[in-house]
Amino acid sequence: MAKEHQGASLPKELLKRIDYIVKETDLGYTSRADFVKESVRQKLDEVERKLLELEKLKKELKER
């Protein structure tokens, strides 16, 4: 099964910062796409954890 991809536009300043990290550091990123995918995954994990915490708090408040 082929992977489906969608593009996203980013401001030039962000792209410059990403390019620096990819090209000038030894952090293991091989491309912009590699960096962006990992960054988005990390942010999604963070937001989803916060949503779960919020739902837990809402449930606790309802039970009082």
N, C-alpha and C. Protein backbone atom coordinates (compact mmCIF):
# COMPACT_ATOMS: atom_id res chain seq x y z
N MET A 1 0.84 -1.18 0.00
CA MET A 1 0.00 0.00 0.00
C MET A 1 0.89 1.25 0.00
N ALA A 2 0.66 2.15 -0.92
CA ALA A 2 1.45 3.37 -1.04
C ALA A 2 1.07 4.36 0.05
N LYS A 3 2.07 5.05 0.57
CA LYS A 3 1.81 6.09 1.57
C LYS A 3 1.28 7.32 0.86
N GLU A 4 0.31 7.95 1.49
CA GLU A 4 -0.20 9.21 0.95
C GLU A 4 0.45 10.34 1.71
N HIS A 5 0.88 11.34 0.99
CA HIS A 5 1.52 12.50 1.59
C HIS A 5 0.80 13.77 1.18
N GLN A 6 0.82 14.73 2.06
CA GLN A 6 0.28 16.05 1.78
C GLN A 6 1.38 17.06 2.07
N GLY A 7 1.39 18.13 1.36
CA GLY A 7 2.37 19.18 1.58
C GLY A 7 1.85 20.23 2.54
N ALA A 8 2.78 20.96 3.11
CA ALA A 8 2.43 22.08 3.98
C ALA A 8 3.44 23.19 3.73
N SER A 9 2.98 24.40 3.72
CA SER A 9 3.86 25.55 3.52
C SER A 9 4.34 26.06 4.87
N LEU A 10 5.60 26.45 4.92
CA LEU A 10 6.18 27.03 6.13
C LEU A 10 6.84 28.35 5.79
N PRO A 11 6.85 29.28 6.72
CA PRO A 11 7.55 30.55 6.49
C PRO A 11 9.04 30.30 6.24
N LYS A 12 9.63 31.16 5.41
CA LYS A 12 11.05 31.02 5.07
C LYS A 12 11.95 30.99 6.29
N GLU A 13 11.61 31.78 7.30
CA GLU A 13 12.45 31.82 8.50
C GLU A 13 12.49 30.47 9.20
N LEU A 14 11.35 29.80 9.27
CA LEU A 14 11.34 28.46 9.86
C LEU A 14 12.16 27.48 9.02
N LEU A 15 12.03 27.59 7.71
CA LEU A 15 12.80 26.70 6.83
C LEU A 15 14.30 26.92 6.99
N LYS A 16 14.70 28.16 7.15
CA LYS A 16 16.12 28.44 7.38
C LYS A 16 16.61 27.79 8.66
N ARG A 17 15.79 27.88 9.70
CA ARG A 17 16.17 27.28 10.98
C ARG A 17 16.23 25.76 10.88
N ILE A 18 15.27 25.17 10.18
CA ILE A 18 15.27 23.72 9.97
C ILE A 18 16.49 23.31 9.16
N ASP A 19 16.76 24.04 8.07
CA ASP A 19 17.92 23.72 7.23
C ASP A 19 19.21 23.76 8.02
N TYR A 20 19.34 24.73 8.90
CA TYR A 20 20.56 24.80 9.72
C TYR A 20 20.70 23.53 10.56
N ILE A 21 19.62 23.14 11.21
CA ILE A 21 19.67 21.95 12.06
C ILE A 21 19.99 20.70 11.24
N VAL A 22 19.37 20.57 10.09
CA VAL A 22 19.59 19.39 9.24
C VAL A 22 21.01 19.36 8.68
N LYS A 23 21.48 20.50 8.17
CA LYS A 23 22.75 20.53 7.45
C LYS A 23 23.97 20.78 8.33
N GLU A 24 23.80 21.52 9.41
CA GLU A 24 24.97 21.97 10.17
C GLU A 24 25.15 21.29 11.53
N THR A 25 24.28 20.36 11.86
CA THR A 25 24.42 19.67 13.14
C THR A 25 24.50 18.17 12.91
N ASP A 26 24.90 17.47 13.93
CA ASP A 26 24.97 16.00 13.88
C ASP A 26 23.86 15.38 14.72
N LEU A 27 22.67 15.92 14.58
CA LEU A 27 21.54 15.44 15.38
C LEU A 27 20.81 14.27 14.72
N GLY A 28 21.24 13.88 13.55
CA GLY A 28 20.68 12.70 12.90
C GLY A 28 19.57 12.95 11.90
N TYR A 29 19.25 14.20 11.66
CA TYR A 29 18.21 14.50 10.67
C TYR A 29 18.83 14.47 9.28
N THR A 30 18.16 13.77 8.35
CA THR A 30 18.70 13.63 7.01
C THR A 30 18.04 14.56 5.99
N SER A 31 16.92 15.16 6.38
CA SER A 31 16.20 16.05 5.46
C SER A 31 15.23 16.92 6.24
N ARG A 32 14.72 17.93 5.55
CA ARG A 32 13.66 18.76 6.14
C ARG A 32 12.49 17.88 6.54
N ALA A 33 12.09 17.00 5.62
CA ALA A 33 10.93 16.15 5.88
C ALA A 33 11.13 15.30 7.13
N ASP A 34 12.32 14.76 7.28
CA ASP A 34 12.66 13.94 8.45
C ASP A 34 12.48 14.76 9.73
N PHE A 35 13.02 15.97 9.73
CA PHE A 35 12.91 16.85 10.90
C PHE A 35 11.46 17.21 11.18
N VAL A 36 10.73 17.60 10.14
CA VAL A 36 9.35 18.05 10.31
C VAL A 36 8.47 16.89 10.81
N LYS A 37 8.63 15.70 10.24
CA LYS A 37 7.82 14.56 10.68
C LYS A 37 8.05 14.27 12.16
N GLU A 38 9.32 14.24 12.58
CA GLU A 38 9.59 13.97 13.99
C GLU A 38 9.04 15.08 14.88
N SER A 39 9.20 16.32 14.46
CA SER A 39 8.71 17.45 15.26
C SER A 39 7.20 17.42 15.40
N VAL A 40 6.50 17.13 14.32
CA VAL A 40 5.04 17.07 14.36
C VAL A 40 4.59 15.91 15.24
N ARG A 41 5.23 14.75 15.11
CA ARG A 41 4.88 13.61 15.96
C ARG A 41 5.04 13.96 17.44
N GLN A 42 6.16 14.60 17.78
CA GLN A 42 6.40 14.98 19.17
C GLN A 42 5.33 15.95 19.68
N LYS A 43 4.98 16.93 18.86
CA LYS A 43 3.96 17.90 19.26
C LYS A 43 2.59 17.24 19.40
N LEU A 44 2.25 16.35 18.48
CA LEU A 44 0.99 15.63 18.58
C LEU A 44 0.93 14.78 19.85
N ASP A 45 2.02 14.10 20.17
CA ASP A 45 2.08 13.32 21.42
C ASP A 45 1.84 14.21 22.62
N GLU A 46 2.49 15.38 22.64
CA GLU A 46 2.35 16.32 23.75
C GLU A 46 0.90 16.80 23.88
N VAL A 47 0.30 17.20 22.78
CA VAL A 47 -1.07 17.71 22.80
C VAL A 47 -2.05 16.60 23.20
N GLU A 48 -1.85 15.40 22.67
CA GLU A 48 -2.74 14.30 23.01
C GLU A 48 -2.64 13.94 24.49
N ARG A 49 -1.44 14.00 25.07
CA ARG A 49 -1.28 13.75 26.51
C ARG A 49 -2.05 14.81 27.30
N LYS A 50 -1.94 16.06 26.89
CA LYS A 50 -2.66 17.13 27.58
C LYS A 50 -4.18 16.95 27.47
N LEU A 51 -4.65 16.52 26.31
CA LEU A 51 -6.08 16.28 26.13
C LEU A 51 -6.57 15.16 27.04
N LEU A 52 -5.77 14.10 27.16
CA LEU A 52 -6.14 13.00 28.06
C LEU A 52 -6.20 13.48 29.50
N GLU A 53 -5.22 14.29 29.91
CA GLU A 53 -5.21 14.83 31.26
C GLU A 53 -6.45 15.71 31.50
N LEU A 54 -6.79 16.53 30.51
CA LEU A 54 -7.95 17.39 30.63
C LEU A 54 -9.23 16.57 30.76
N GLU A 55 -9.37 15.55 29.95
CA GLU A 55 -10.55 14.69 30.04
C GLU A 55 -10.62 14.01 31.40
N LYS A 56 -9.49 13.58 31.92
CA LYS A 56 -9.45 12.94 33.24
C LYS A 56 -9.91 13.93 34.32
N LEU A 57 -9.41 15.17 34.24
CA LEU A 57 -9.81 16.19 35.22
C LEU A 57 -11.29 16.51 35.12
N LYS A 58 -11.81 16.60 33.91
CA LYS A 58 -13.24 16.86 33.72
C LYS A 58 -14.07 15.76 34.35
N LYS A 59 -13.64 14.52 34.14
CA LYS A 59 -14.37 13.38 34.69
C LYS A 59 -14.35 13.43 36.21
N GLU A 60 -13.18 13.74 36.79
CA GLU A 60 -13.06 13.83 38.24
C GLU A 60 -13.96 14.92 38.81
N LEU A 61 -14.05 16.06 38.12
CA LEU A 61 -14.89 17.15 38.59
C LEU A 61 -16.37 16.78 38.54
N LYS A 62 -16.76 16.05 37.52
CA LYS A 62 -18.17 15.62 37.42
C LYS A 62 -18.55 14.66 38.52
N GLU A 63 -17.58 13.87 38.97
CA GLU A 63 -17.85 12.87 40.00
C GLU A 63 -17.95 13.47 41.39
N ARG A 64 -17.60 14.71 41.57
CA ARG A 64 -17.66 15.34 42.89
C ARG A 64 -19.04 15.79 43.24
